[in-house]
């Protein structure tokens, strides 16, 4: 591994994730100056567990960081496909009756065959059909109408929102009678999490999720799924 290739690829991931070196180090669970030292040429090599933590925090493969792979993550097609239930429709601003979709209908739900998350293969997975254009300018890959987002169930995997990552967000109203699924990128602050669209359409708005909602027993806004991939079939 050359420091130049490591540095350039770390810089590229920071740009895509829209985070700085210190936030990256926190996510990687490494020392506060670890990533900054790479960018300042103070750290020439990263190996072993530190390399794994760095790759996990920057949401990429270790092989990408050391220059053995051109893409941040290898193709999902490299893993054995699994039947993943489609539990709803992700469409910003569209509230649907809670009885139409949801976990309770998972047994009867349609399924698609795609690779499970390599990081959380044993957690519950689900998919959402994408409608609308609230994330059609997402990087590195736009999320457009007609595709499906592949999600890891966050409570099941023990995940919490992190800055720069994309999540399936569920909002409820009418005391739980109707709900909306939407896809947003998270930005975590001390008192709130902002769930931001990435769209060419300016009508889409930021959703603010307070650290403490008025009624903790009934949250009106929750990040439910970590979006780890996408699926688009021309046969459907």
Protein backbone atom coordinates (compact mmCIF):
# COMPACT_ATOMS: atom_id res chain seq x y z
CA UNK A 1 0.00 0.00 0.00
CA UNK A 2 1.35 3.44 -0.89
CA UNK A 3 0.40 6.38 1.26
CA UNK A 4 -0.62 8.31 -1.86
CA UNK A 5 -3.25 5.75 -2.85
CA UNK A 6 -4.52 5.39 0.73
CA UNK A 7 -4.69 9.16 1.20
CA UNK A 8 -6.48 9.77 -2.11
CA UNK A 9 -9.04 7.06 -1.44
CA UNK A 10 -9.72 8.24 2.09
CA UNK A 11 -10.20 11.76 0.71
CA UNK A 12 -12.61 10.39 -1.90
CA UNK A 13 -14.71 8.60 0.73
CA UNK A 14 -14.83 11.70 2.95
CA UNK A 15 -16.11 13.71 0.00
CA UNK A 16 -18.80 11.15 -0.88
CA UNK A 17 -19.94 10.76 2.73
CA UNK A 18 -19.73 14.54 3.29
CA UNK A 19 -17.87 14.21 6.59
CA UNK A 20 -14.56 15.52 7.90
CA UNK A 21 -11.57 13.59 9.19
CA UNK A 22 -12.60 13.83 12.85
CA UNK A 23 -16.13 12.58 12.21
CA UNK A 24 -14.64 9.75 10.15
CA UNK A 25 -12.32 8.79 13.01
CA UNK A 26 -15.27 8.71 15.40
CA UNK A 27 -17.23 6.47 13.07
CA UNK A 28 -14.21 4.23 12.58
CA UNK A 29 -13.77 3.97 16.37
CA UNK A 30 -10.15 4.99 15.99
CA UNK A 31 -8.11 7.75 17.63
CA UNK A 32 -9.33 11.29 17.03
CA UNK A 33 -6.33 12.18 14.81
CA UNK A 34 -6.09 8.83 13.03
CA UNK A 35 -7.72 9.87 9.74
CA UNK A 36 -6.24 13.36 9.89
CA UNK A 37 -2.77 11.84 10.19
CA UNK A 38 -3.37 9.91 6.95
CA UNK A 39 -4.39 13.10 5.16
CA UNK A 40 -1.34 14.94 6.51
CA UNK A 41 1.07 12.14 5.51
CA UNK A 42 1.93 11.39 9.14
CA UNK A 43 0.59 7.83 8.89
CA UNK A 44 2.18 5.83 6.11
CA UNK A 45 0.56 2.42 6.58
CA UNK A 46 -2.66 1.00 7.97
CA UNK A 47 -3.00 -2.73 8.53
CA UNK A 48 -4.91 -5.37 10.43
CA UNK A 49 -7.79 -4.36 12.66
CA UNK A 50 -7.17 -0.65 12.04
CA UNK A 51 -7.64 -1.15 8.30
CA UNK A 52 -10.89 -3.03 8.91
CA UNK A 53 -12.20 -0.29 11.22
CA UNK A 54 -11.20 2.37 8.69
CA UNK A 55 -13.02 0.56 5.87
CA UNK A 56 -16.12 -0.03 8.01
CA UNK A 57 -16.29 3.62 9.06
CA UNK A 58 -15.80 4.87 5.50
CA UNK A 59 -18.38 2.40 4.16
CA UNK A 60 -16.04 0.69 1.71
CA UNK A 61 -14.04 -2.49 1.25
CA UNK A 62 -10.53 -2.87 2.64
CA UNK A 63 -9.35 -3.81 -0.86
CA UNK A 64 -10.47 -0.41 -2.12
CA UNK A 65 -8.43 1.49 0.46
CA UNK A 66 -5.23 -0.40 -0.35
CA UNK A 67 -5.64 0.00 -4.10
CA UNK A 68 -6.55 -3.58 -4.98
CA UNK A 69 -10.10 -2.69 -6.05
CA UNK A 70 -11.37 0.23 -8.13
CA UNK A 71 -14.90 0.40 -6.73
CA UNK A 72 -15.59 1.24 -3.04
CA UNK A 73 -17.63 -1.94 -2.71
CA UNK A 74 -17.58 -5.09 -4.79
CA UNK A 75 -20.73 -5.85 -6.73
CA UNK A 76 -23.68 -7.16 -4.76
CA UNK A 77 -23.91 -9.82 -7.42
CA UNK A 78 -20.86 -11.51 -5.93
CA UNK A 79 -22.92 -12.89 -3.04
CA UNK A 80 -25.58 -15.57 -3.02
CA UNK A 81 -28.98 -13.90 -3.54
CA UNK A 82 -31.58 -14.12 -0.81
CA UNK A 83 -35.35 -13.59 -0.80
CA UNK A 84 -35.95 -10.13 0.68
CA UNK A 85 -39.54 -9.03 1.45
CA UNK A 86 -40.85 -5.80 -0.07
CA UNK A 87 -42.73 -4.22 2.85
CA UNK A 88 -43.77 -0.86 1.42
CA UNK A 89 -43.33 2.10 -0.91
CA UNK A 90 -40.84 4.88 -0.24
CA UNK A 91 -42.36 8.10 -1.54
CA UNK A 92 -41.75 11.46 0.10
CA UNK A 93 -44.95 13.22 1.09
CA UNK A 94 -47.25 10.27 0.41
CA UNK A 95 -49.02 8.96 3.53
CA UNK A 96 -50.69 5.57 3.21
CA UNK A 97 -52.96 3.54 5.47
CA UNK A 98 -50.91 1.57 7.96
CA UNK A 99 -52.95 -1.52 7.11
CA UNK A 100 -51.59 -1.61 3.54
CA UNK A 101 -47.98 -2.50 4.29
CA UNK A 102 -45.70 -3.21 7.19
CA UNK A 103 -43.89 -5.89 9.13
CA UNK A 104 -47.12 -7.72 9.98
CA UNK A 105 -47.70 -8.39 6.26
CA UNK A 106 -44.19 -9.68 5.64
CA UNK A 107 -45.24 -13.33 5.26
CA UNK A 108 -47.52 -12.46 2.35
CA UNK A 109 -45.27 -9.76 0.88
CA UNK A 110 -43.72 -9.98 -2.57
CA UNK A 111 -40.01 -10.73 -2.57
CA UNK A 112 -37.02 -9.91 -4.66
CA UNK A 113 -33.77 -11.84 -4.82
CA UNK A 114 -30.68 -9.84 -3.98
CA UNK A 115 -27.54 -10.07 -1.86
CA UNK A 116 -27.82 -9.51 1.86
CA UNK A 117 -25.63 -6.97 3.62
CA UNK A 118 -22.11 -8.33 4.04
CA UNK A 119 -21.71 -6.36 7.26
CA UNK A 120 -24.97 -7.46 8.89
CA UNK A 121 -25.94 -10.69 7.11
CA UNK A 122 -27.83 -12.11 10.08
CA UNK A 123 -30.00 -9.06 10.78
CA UNK A 124 -33.51 -8.70 9.42
CA UNK A 125 -33.59 -7.33 5.85
CA UNK A 126 -36.35 -5.65 3.89
CA UNK A 127 -36.85 -3.74 0.65
CA UNK A 128 -38.90 -0.69 -0.32
CA UNK A 129 -40.13 0.28 -3.75
CA UNK A 130 -38.96 3.78 -4.68
CA UNK A 131 -41.33 6.36 -6.11
CA UNK A 132 -40.68 10.04 -6.68
CA UNK A 133 -37.46 12.00 -6.95
CA UNK A 134 -36.44 12.97 -3.41
CA UNK A 135 -33.04 11.20 -3.76
CA UNK A 136 -32.47 11.36 -7.51
CA UNK A 137 -29.25 13.34 -7.00
CA UNK A 138 -27.76 11.08 -4.31
CA UNK A 139 -24.07 10.23 -4.56
CA UNK A 140 -22.39 8.00 -5.49
CA UNK A 141 -25.55 6.45 -6.99
CA UNK A 142 -28.89 8.22 -7.59
CA UNK A 143 -31.96 6.55 -6.06
CA UNK A 144 -34.66 6.83 -8.69
CA UNK A 145 -38.26 5.83 -9.24
CA UNK A 146 -38.74 2.21 -10.18
CA UNK A 147 -35.83 0.80 -8.22
CA UNK A 148 -35.87 -0.87 -4.81
CA UNK A 149 -33.71 0.08 -1.85
CA UNK A 150 -32.29 -2.81 0.17
CA UNK A 151 -32.31 -2.18 3.90
CA UNK A 152 -30.96 -3.66 7.12
CA UNK A 153 -33.41 -3.38 10.01
CA UNK A 154 -31.68 -0.93 12.37
CA UNK A 155 -33.17 -2.08 15.70
CA UNK A 156 -32.40 -5.70 14.82
CA UNK A 157 -28.79 -4.87 13.92
CA UNK A 158 -28.36 -2.50 16.87
CA UNK A 159 -27.69 0.52 14.64
CA UNK A 160 -28.26 4.22 15.25
CA UNK A 161 -28.18 7.02 12.65
CA UNK A 162 -24.73 8.23 11.62
CA UNK A 163 -23.79 11.30 9.62
CA UNK A 164 -23.44 10.69 5.90
CA UNK A 165 -25.34 7.43 5.67
CA UNK A 166 -28.65 6.90 3.88
CA UNK A 167 -31.68 5.58 5.74
CA UNK A 168 -35.24 4.47 5.20
CA UNK A 169 -37.28 6.79 7.39
CA UNK A 170 -40.82 6.16 8.61
CA UNK A 171 -43.14 8.99 9.65
CA UNK A 172 -46.56 8.38 11.16
CA UNK A 173 -49.61 10.57 11.69
CA UNK A 174 -53.25 10.13 12.72
CA UNK A 175 -52.04 8.32 15.86
CA UNK A 176 -50.40 5.67 13.73
CA UNK A 177 -53.26 5.30 11.26
CA UNK A 178 -51.23 6.51 8.28
CA UNK A 179 -47.55 6.53 7.55
CA UNK A 180 -44.94 7.58 5.04
CA UNK A 181 -41.73 5.81 4.05
CA UNK A 182 -39.03 8.05 2.61
CA UNK A 183 -35.31 7.80 1.89
CA UNK A 184 -32.97 10.46 3.30
CA UNK A 185 -29.33 11.05 4.20
CA UNK A 186 -28.68 11.66 7.89
CA UNK A 187 -26.70 14.44 9.55
CA UNK A 188 -26.42 13.96 13.30
CA UNK A 189 -26.13 16.91 15.69
CA UNK A 190 -26.10 17.11 19.47
CA UNK A 191 -29.81 17.88 19.82
CA UNK A 192 -31.27 16.50 16.60
CA UNK A 193 -30.77 14.47 13.46
CA UNK A 194 -31.50 16.12 10.13
CA UNK A 195 -32.74 13.80 7.39
CA UNK A 196 -31.99 15.55 4.12
CA UNK A 197 -33.16 14.88 0.56
CA UNK A 198 -30.68 14.96 -2.32
CA UNK A 199 -32.82 15.94 -5.25
CA UNK A 200 -33.01 18.08 -8.35
CA UNK A 201 -36.53 18.95 -7.20
CA UNK A 202 -36.44 21.85 -4.69
CA UNK A 203 -39.85 21.04 -3.18
CA UNK A 204 -38.43 18.29 -0.97
CA UNK A 205 -37.77 19.39 2.60
CA UNK A 206 -35.45 18.40 5.43
CA UNK A 207 -37.02 16.26 8.15
CA UNK A 208 -35.81 17.06 11.65
CA UNK A 209 -35.79 14.21 14.15
CA UNK A 210 -35.30 15.53 17.71
CA UNK A 211 -33.15 13.46 20.06
CA UNK A 212 -36.17 13.30 22.34
CA UNK A 213 -39.62 13.34 20.81
CA UNK A 214 -42.64 14.54 22.81
CA UNK A 215 -43.92 11.02 23.39
CA UNK A 216 -41.07 8.52 23.48
CA UNK A 217 -43.56 5.66 23.55
CA UNK A 218 -44.88 6.71 20.16
CA UNK A 219 -42.27 8.19 17.87
CA UNK A 220 -43.60 10.03 14.85
CA UNK A 221 -40.26 10.01 12.98
CA UNK A 222 -37.84 7.08 13.01
CA UNK A 223 -34.91 5.91 10.92
CA UNK A 224 -35.84 2.24 10.55
CA UNK A 225 -33.55 0.85 7.87
CA UNK A 226 -29.93 1.40 6.85
CA UNK A 227 -29.86 1.47 3.04
CA UNK A 228 -26.97 -0.78 2.03
CA UNK A 229 -27.79 -1.22 -1.65
CA UNK A 230 -30.22 -0.87 -4.49
CA UNK A 231 -31.94 -3.19 -6.94
CA UNK A 232 -33.48 -2.47 -10.32
CA UNK A 233 -35.11 -5.13 -12.48
CA UNK A 234 -36.51 -4.56 -15.96
CA UNK A 235 -38.67 -7.69 -15.60
CA UNK A 236 -41.02 -6.29 -12.98
